[in-house]
N, C-alpha and C. Protein backbone atom coordinates (compact mmCIF):
# COMPACT_ATOMS: atom_id res chain seq x y z
N MET A 1 -7.01 -25.49 -29.39
CA MET A 1 -8.23 -24.96 -28.83
C MET A 1 -8.55 -25.59 -27.48
N ARG A 2 -7.93 -26.72 -27.20
CA ARG A 2 -8.17 -27.34 -25.91
C ARG A 2 -7.72 -26.42 -24.78
N LEU A 3 -6.63 -25.71 -25.00
CA LEU A 3 -6.15 -24.75 -24.00
C LEU A 3 -7.19 -23.65 -23.78
N LEU A 4 -7.80 -23.17 -24.86
CA LEU A 4 -8.84 -22.15 -24.75
C LEU A 4 -10.01 -22.68 -23.94
N ARG A 5 -10.43 -23.90 -24.20
CA ARG A 5 -11.54 -24.50 -23.44
C ARG A 5 -11.18 -24.63 -21.97
N ASN A 6 -9.95 -25.05 -21.68
CA ASN A 6 -9.53 -25.18 -20.28
C ASN A 6 -9.53 -23.83 -19.58
N ILE A 7 -9.07 -22.79 -20.27
CA ILE A 7 -9.06 -21.45 -19.68
C ILE A 7 -10.49 -20.98 -19.43
N LEU A 8 -11.38 -21.18 -20.40
CA LEU A 8 -12.77 -20.77 -20.22
C LEU A 8 -13.43 -21.53 -19.08
N ASN A 9 -13.15 -22.82 -18.95
CA ASN A 9 -13.71 -23.61 -17.85
C ASN A 9 -13.16 -23.14 -16.51
N THR A 10 -11.89 -22.80 -16.45
CA THR A 10 -11.30 -22.30 -15.21
C THR A 10 -11.94 -20.98 -14.79
N ILE A 11 -12.12 -20.08 -15.76
CA ILE A 11 -12.79 -18.82 -15.45
C ILE A 11 -14.20 -19.07 -14.95
N PHE A 12 -14.91 -20.02 -15.57
CA PHE A 12 -16.27 -20.35 -15.13
C PHE A 12 -16.29 -20.87 -13.71
N VAL A 13 -15.42 -21.80 -13.38
CA VAL A 13 -15.42 -22.39 -12.04
C VAL A 13 -15.09 -21.34 -10.98
N ILE A 14 -14.08 -20.53 -11.24
CA ILE A 14 -13.70 -19.50 -10.27
C ILE A 14 -14.82 -18.47 -10.14
N GLY A 15 -15.41 -18.07 -11.27
CA GLY A 15 -16.50 -17.11 -11.23
C GLY A 15 -17.73 -17.64 -10.52
N ALA A 16 -18.06 -18.91 -10.77
CA ALA A 16 -19.22 -19.50 -10.11
C ALA A 16 -19.00 -19.61 -8.60
N ALA A 17 -17.80 -19.99 -8.19
CA ALA A 17 -17.50 -20.08 -6.76
C ALA A 17 -17.55 -18.70 -6.10
N ALA A 18 -16.98 -17.71 -6.78
CA ALA A 18 -17.01 -16.35 -6.23
C ALA A 18 -18.44 -15.83 -6.18
N GLY A 19 -19.21 -16.12 -7.19
CA GLY A 19 -20.61 -15.69 -7.21
C GLY A 19 -21.43 -16.34 -6.11
N MET A 20 -21.21 -17.62 -5.88
CA MET A 20 -21.94 -18.30 -4.80
C MET A 20 -21.55 -17.75 -3.44
N ALA A 21 -20.25 -17.50 -3.25
CA ALA A 21 -19.80 -16.94 -1.97
C ALA A 21 -20.41 -15.56 -1.76
N THR A 22 -20.41 -14.75 -2.82
CA THR A 22 -21.00 -13.42 -2.70
C THR A 22 -22.50 -13.51 -2.45
N TYR A 23 -23.15 -14.45 -3.10
CA TYR A 23 -24.60 -14.62 -2.94
C TYR A 23 -24.95 -15.00 -1.50
N TYR A 24 -24.21 -15.95 -0.93
CA TYR A 24 -24.55 -16.44 0.40
C TYR A 24 -24.06 -15.54 1.53
N TRP A 25 -22.90 -14.92 1.36
CA TRP A 25 -22.33 -14.14 2.46
C TRP A 25 -22.32 -12.64 2.22
N GLY A 26 -22.83 -12.23 1.08
CA GLY A 26 -22.82 -10.80 0.76
C GLY A 26 -24.13 -10.39 0.14
N ASN A 27 -24.04 -9.61 -0.91
CA ASN A 27 -25.21 -9.09 -1.59
C ASN A 27 -25.73 -10.13 -2.59
N LYS A 28 -27.00 -10.52 -2.46
CA LYS A 28 -27.57 -11.55 -3.33
C LYS A 28 -27.64 -11.09 -4.78
N GLU A 29 -27.96 -9.84 -5.01
CA GLU A 29 -28.06 -9.33 -6.38
C GLU A 29 -26.70 -9.35 -7.07
N THR A 30 -25.67 -8.89 -6.39
CA THR A 30 -24.32 -8.90 -6.96
C THR A 30 -23.86 -10.32 -7.23
N GLY A 31 -24.14 -11.24 -6.30
CA GLY A 31 -23.78 -12.64 -6.50
C GLY A 31 -24.45 -13.23 -7.72
N THR A 32 -25.70 -12.87 -7.94
CA THR A 32 -26.42 -13.35 -9.11
C THR A 32 -25.76 -12.86 -10.40
N TYR A 33 -25.38 -11.58 -10.43
CA TYR A 33 -24.73 -11.03 -11.62
C TYR A 33 -23.39 -11.71 -11.88
N ILE A 34 -22.64 -11.99 -10.84
CA ILE A 34 -21.35 -12.67 -11.00
C ILE A 34 -21.55 -14.06 -11.59
N ILE A 35 -22.56 -14.77 -11.11
CA ILE A 35 -22.84 -16.12 -11.61
C ILE A 35 -23.28 -16.06 -13.08
N ILE A 36 -24.08 -15.06 -13.43
CA ILE A 36 -24.52 -14.92 -14.83
C ILE A 36 -23.34 -14.67 -15.75
N VAL A 37 -22.41 -13.83 -15.33
CA VAL A 37 -21.20 -13.57 -16.14
C VAL A 37 -20.37 -14.85 -16.26
N ALA A 38 -20.25 -15.61 -15.17
CA ALA A 38 -19.51 -16.87 -15.22
C ALA A 38 -20.18 -17.84 -16.19
N MET A 39 -21.50 -17.86 -16.19
CA MET A 39 -22.23 -18.75 -17.10
C MET A 39 -21.99 -18.37 -18.56
N ALA A 40 -21.79 -17.09 -18.82
CA ALA A 40 -21.49 -16.66 -20.19
C ALA A 40 -20.20 -17.31 -20.69
N PHE A 41 -19.19 -17.41 -19.81
CA PHE A 41 -17.95 -18.08 -20.19
C PHE A 41 -18.19 -19.56 -20.47
N LYS A 42 -19.07 -20.19 -19.70
CA LYS A 42 -19.39 -21.60 -19.94
C LYS A 42 -20.11 -21.76 -21.26
N PHE A 43 -21.02 -20.86 -21.58
CA PHE A 43 -21.72 -20.94 -22.86
C PHE A 43 -20.75 -20.81 -24.03
N ILE A 44 -19.78 -19.91 -23.91
CA ILE A 44 -18.78 -19.75 -24.96
C ILE A 44 -18.00 -21.05 -25.13
N GLU A 45 -17.63 -21.68 -24.01
CA GLU A 45 -16.89 -22.95 -24.07
C GLU A 45 -17.73 -24.03 -24.75
N VAL A 46 -19.00 -24.07 -24.45
CA VAL A 46 -19.89 -25.07 -25.06
C VAL A 46 -20.00 -24.84 -26.56
N VAL A 47 -20.11 -23.58 -26.97
CA VAL A 47 -20.18 -23.27 -28.40
C VAL A 47 -18.90 -23.72 -29.11
N VAL A 48 -17.76 -23.46 -28.48
CA VAL A 48 -16.49 -23.90 -29.07
C VAL A 48 -16.47 -25.42 -29.21
N ARG A 49 -16.96 -26.11 -28.19
CA ARG A 49 -16.97 -27.57 -28.23
C ARG A 49 -17.96 -28.09 -29.28
N LEU A 50 -19.15 -27.51 -29.33
CA LEU A 50 -20.16 -27.99 -30.28
C LEU A 50 -19.79 -27.70 -31.72
N LEU A 51 -19.13 -26.58 -31.98
CA LEU A 51 -18.73 -26.26 -33.33
C LEU A 51 -17.43 -26.95 -33.72
N LYS A 52 -16.90 -27.70 -32.77
CA LYS A 52 -15.68 -28.48 -32.98
C LYS A 52 -14.56 -27.59 -33.51
N LEU A 53 -14.34 -26.49 -32.82
CA LEU A 53 -13.28 -25.57 -33.19
C LEU A 53 -11.95 -25.94 -32.56
N GLU A 54 -11.83 -27.19 -32.14
CA GLU A 54 -10.60 -27.61 -31.50
C GLU A 54 -9.77 -28.47 -32.43
N ASP A 55 -8.51 -28.66 -32.07
CA ASP A 55 -7.61 -29.48 -32.87
C ASP A 55 -8.04 -30.94 -32.85
N LYS A 56 -7.73 -31.64 -33.91
CA LYS A 56 -8.09 -33.06 -34.02
C LYS A 56 -6.89 -33.94 -33.65
N ASN A 57 -6.28 -33.70 -32.50
CA ASN A 57 -5.11 -34.49 -32.07
C ASN A 57 -5.52 -35.77 -31.44
């Protein structure tokens, strides 16, 4: 499950960076939506971590 968490975190970081770039240099509303979607991936990662759905290696 650590791989899943890493993938979710990577999607979050890329999405947040893209959302911030869109927010500052493009359409603010679209940038906000991109950031919200990226945050959803972070919330999923946090749930996985809190429920301890990862391997005990």
